[in-house]
N, C-alpha and C. Protein backbone atom coordinates (compact mmCIF):
# COMPACT_ATOMS: atom_id res chain seq x y z
N UNK A 1 170.55 33.64 209.81
CA UNK A 1 171.58 34.07 209.02
C UNK A 1 172.94 34.71 208.71
N UNK A 2 173.85 34.56 208.35
CA UNK A 2 175.24 35.44 208.84
C UNK A 2 175.52 36.04 207.24
N UNK A 3 175.92 37.36 207.01
CA UNK A 3 176.69 38.44 206.16
C UNK A 3 177.92 38.25 206.67
N UNK A 4 178.60 39.01 205.11
CA UNK A 4 180.11 38.92 205.56
C UNK A 4 180.25 40.73 205.61
N UNK A 5 180.86 40.87 206.66
CA UNK A 5 181.63 42.69 207.73
C UNK A 5 182.89 43.04 206.40
N UNK A 6 182.40 43.93 205.56
CA UNK A 6 184.24 44.99 205.76
C UNK A 6 184.14 45.92 205.80
N UNK A 7 185.10 46.78 205.94
CA UNK A 7 185.48 47.58 206.26
C UNK A 7 186.06 48.29 205.72
N UNK A 8 186.52 49.57 205.07
CA UNK A 8 187.53 50.00 204.15
C UNK A 8 188.13 51.75 205.15
N UNK A 9 189.21 51.08 206.23
CA UNK A 9 189.60 52.16 205.67
C UNK A 9 189.84 53.39 206.09
N UNK A 10 190.51 53.67 204.13
CA UNK A 10 189.98 55.14 203.67
C UNK A 10 189.04 55.43 203.70
N UNK A 11 188.09 54.15 203.75
CA UNK A 11 186.84 55.60 203.40
C UNK A 11 186.18 55.78 204.78
N UNK A 12 186.51 54.69 205.65
CA UNK A 12 186.05 55.27 207.03
C UNK A 12 184.69 54.35 207.20
N UNK A 13 183.87 53.32 205.41
CA UNK A 13 182.97 52.37 206.26
C UNK A 13 182.63 51.42 206.87
N UNK A 14 181.62 50.92 206.98
CA UNK A 14 181.59 49.92 206.67
C UNK A 14 179.90 49.31 205.86
N UNK A 15 180.58 47.69 205.44
CA UNK A 15 179.37 46.91 204.62
C UNK A 15 178.81 45.95 205.16
N UNK A 16 178.02 45.11 205.07
CA UNK A 16 177.59 43.18 204.92
C UNK A 16 177.08 43.42 204.31
N UNK A 17 177.40 42.03 203.02
CA UNK A 17 176.95 41.94 202.22
C UNK A 17 176.82 40.33 202.09
N UNK A 18 175.69 40.19 201.57
CA UNK A 18 175.35 38.50 201.84
C UNK A 18 176.65 37.40 200.96
N UNK A 19 177.19 37.87 200.29
CA UNK A 19 178.18 37.19 199.44
C UNK A 19 179.09 37.86 199.14
N UNK A 20 180.01 37.58 197.83
CA UNK A 20 181.30 38.52 197.89
C UNK A 20 180.97 39.34 196.75
N UNK A 21 179.90 40.06 196.36
CA UNK A 21 179.81 40.86 195.41
C UNK A 21 180.32 42.15 196.05
N UNK A 22 181.41 42.40 196.93
CA UNK A 22 181.90 44.29 196.53
C UNK A 22 182.27 44.12 195.64
N UNK A 23 181.91 45.31 195.47
CA UNK A 23 182.55 45.72 194.38
C UNK A 23 183.55 47.05 194.12
N UNK A 24 184.48 47.45 195.23
CA UNK A 24 185.25 47.89 195.64
C UNK A 24 186.34 47.74 196.21
N UNK A 25 187.92 48.23 195.71
CA UNK A 25 188.74 46.84 196.50
C UNK A 25 189.46 47.27 197.20
N UNK A 26 188.58 49.16 197.98
CA UNK A 26 188.83 48.96 199.02
C UNK A 26 188.26 49.22 200.46
N UNK A 27 187.48 48.28 200.23
CA UNK A 27 187.37 47.66 201.73
C UNK A 27 187.85 46.55 201.80
N UNK A 28 187.85 45.77 202.83
CA UNK A 28 189.03 44.34 203.62
C UNK A 28 187.48 44.01 203.66
N UNK A 29 187.44 42.31 204.00
CA UNK A 29 187.25 41.18 204.16
C UNK A 29 187.49 41.45 205.62
N UNK A 30 185.75 41.59 206.69
CA UNK A 30 186.63 41.20 208.51
C UNK A 30 186.26 39.78 209.16
N UNK A 31 184.74 39.15 208.82
CA UNK A 31 184.44 38.02 208.59
C UNK A 31 183.55 38.25 208.68
N UNK A 32 182.70 36.88 209.70
CA UNK A 32 181.11 36.63 209.32
C UNK A 32 179.43 37.36 211.02
N UNK A 33 178.61 37.82 211.04
CA UNK A 33 178.34 38.16 211.98
C UNK A 33 176.59 37.61 211.18
N UNK A 34 175.83 38.10 212.28
CA UNK A 34 174.68 37.91 211.92
C UNK A 34 174.40 39.49 212.18
N UNK A 35 173.32 40.06 211.53
CA UNK A 35 172.64 41.89 211.63
C UNK A 35 172.24 42.22 212.85
N UNK A 36 172.17 41.21 213.42
CA UNK A 36 172.33 41.68 214.62
C UNK A 36 173.52 41.96 215.53
N UNK A 37 174.76 41.04 215.55
CA UNK A 37 176.24 40.95 216.20
C UNK A 37 177.06 42.36 215.12
N UNK A 38 176.26 42.18 214.17
CA UNK A 38 176.89 43.16 213.28
C UNK A 38 175.73 44.92 214.00
N UNK A 39 175.06 44.53 214.15
CA UNK A 39 174.43 46.04 214.94
C UNK A 39 175.10 46.37 216.63
N UNK A 40 175.20 45.41 217.31
CA UNK A 40 175.50 45.62 217.98
C UNK A 40 177.62 46.02 217.74
N UNK A 41 178.15 45.26 216.73
CA UNK A 41 179.08 45.61 216.79
C UNK A 41 179.44 46.92 216.76
N UNK A 42 178.64 47.80 215.46
CA UNK A 42 178.33 48.52 215.14
C UNK A 42 178.44 49.87 217.13
N UNK A 43 177.31 49.69 217.74
CA UNK A 43 176.82 50.06 218.47
C UNK A 43 179.03 50.54 219.12
N UNK A 44 179.59 49.59 219.39
CA UNK A 44 180.32 49.40 220.98
C UNK A 44 181.53 49.49 219.76
N UNK A 45 181.90 50.11 218.93
CA UNK A 45 182.98 50.99 218.00
C UNK A 45 183.10 52.04 217.85
N UNK A 46 181.18 53.16 217.91
CA UNK A 46 181.02 54.15 218.78
C UNK A 46 181.44 54.46 219.81
N UNK A 47 180.84 53.54 220.78
CA UNK A 47 181.37 53.82 222.02
C UNK A 47 183.02 54.24 222.53
N UNK A 48 183.02 52.92 221.32
CA UNK A 48 184.51 53.05 221.85
C UNK A 48 185.73 54.44 220.99
N UNK A 49 184.90 54.38 220.23
CA UNK A 49 185.85 55.74 218.85
C UNK A 49 184.95 56.88 218.40
N UNK A 50 183.83 57.28 218.80
CA UNK A 50 183.11 58.11 218.49
C UNK A 50 183.14 58.23 217.34
N UNK A 51 183.75 59.56 217.00
CA UNK A 51 184.13 59.97 215.51
C UNK A 51 185.24 60.03 215.39
N UNK A 52 186.49 59.70 215.52
CA UNK A 52 187.37 58.88 215.48
C UNK A 52 187.55 57.95 213.97
N UNK A 53 188.47 58.69 213.92
CA UNK A 53 188.75 58.11 212.25
C UNK A 53 189.59 56.40 213.09
N UNK A 54 189.27 55.17 212.20
CA UNK A 54 189.31 53.87 213.19
C UNK A 54 190.32 53.80 212.11
N UNK A 55 191.15 53.17 212.55
CA UNK A 55 192.85 52.41 211.73
C UNK A 55 192.06 50.20 211.39
N UNK A 56 192.55 50.03 210.02
CA UNK A 56 192.00 48.32 210.28
C UNK A 56 191.99 48.02 211.35
N UNK A 57 193.36 48.11 211.63
CA UNK A 57 194.02 46.96 212.05
C UNK A 57 192.88 46.81 214.21
N UNK A 58 192.51 48.53 214.26
CA UNK A 58 191.35 48.70 215.61
C UNK A 58 190.45 47.48 215.12
N UNK A 59 189.89 47.75 213.70
CA UNK A 59 188.78 47.00 213.72
C UNK A 59 188.59 45.24 213.84
N UNK A 60 189.74 45.05 213.48
CA UNK A 60 190.14 43.55 212.96
C UNK A 60 190.01 43.43 215.06
N UNK A 61 190.75 44.08 215.74
CA UNK A 61 191.15 43.28 216.70
C UNK A 61 189.44 43.74 217.40
N UNK A 62 189.30 44.97 217.62
CA UNK A 62 187.95 44.82 218.22
C UNK A 62 187.12 43.66 217.64
N UNK A 63 187.00 43.37 215.89
CA UNK A 63 185.96 41.93 215.89
C UNK A 63 186.35 40.66 216.44
N UNK A 64 187.28 41.03 216.56
CA UNK A 64 187.68 39.70 217.21
C UNK A 64 187.87 39.16 218.74
N UNK A 65 187.83 40.81 218.99
CA UNK A 65 187.53 40.04 220.05
C UNK A 65 185.92 40.61 220.82
N UNK A 66 184.58 40.92 220.40
CA UNK A 66 184.10 40.10 220.42
C UNK A 66 183.14 38.76 219.57
N UNK A 67 184.08 38.64 218.59
CA UNK A 67 183.88 37.53 218.03
C UNK A 67 184.24 36.23 218.46
N UNK A 68 185.40 35.96 219.75
CA UNK A 68 185.23 35.48 220.80
C UNK A 68 184.43 35.89 221.70
N UNK A 69 184.14 36.31 222.25
CA UNK A 69 183.10 36.95 223.17
C UNK A 69 181.83 35.73 223.26
N UNK A 70 180.89 36.51 221.94
CA UNK A 70 179.52 35.77 221.18
C UNK A 70 179.39 34.81 221.16
N UNK A 71 180.70 34.05 220.62
CA UNK A 71 181.06 32.18 220.14
C UNK A 71 180.81 31.24 221.93
N UNK A 72 181.39 32.43 222.71
CA UNK A 72 181.30 32.16 224.19
C UNK A 72 180.29 32.25 224.55
N UNK A 73 179.31 33.26 225.06
CA UNK A 73 177.75 33.08 225.15
C UNK A 73 177.16 32.31 224.29
N UNK A 74 177.48 31.85 222.90
CA UNK A 74 176.79 31.17 222.19
C UNK A 74 176.78 29.66 223.00
N UNK A 75 177.81 28.74 223.21
CA UNK A 75 177.62 27.67 223.51
C UNK A 75 176.98 27.81 224.74
N UNK A 76 176.33 26.11 224.49
CA UNK A 76 175.83 25.46 225.45
C UNK A 76 176.72 24.78 226.71
């Protein structure tokens, strides 16, 4: 089951939701992920950025690269 991945650059926080019911306009929609993909993506972001702030642009780039890689792996 996929969920919606959101990110707030201002708050430096991520959110995973089943629907569009995020009640904070500081969060930007990034894309769809499964819970397992989300956990792996968080690991990758931590290894890459540690405790440093992450820009929305860097989150989007990392997510795009990640999504492309995962989608290639899933192809039969």
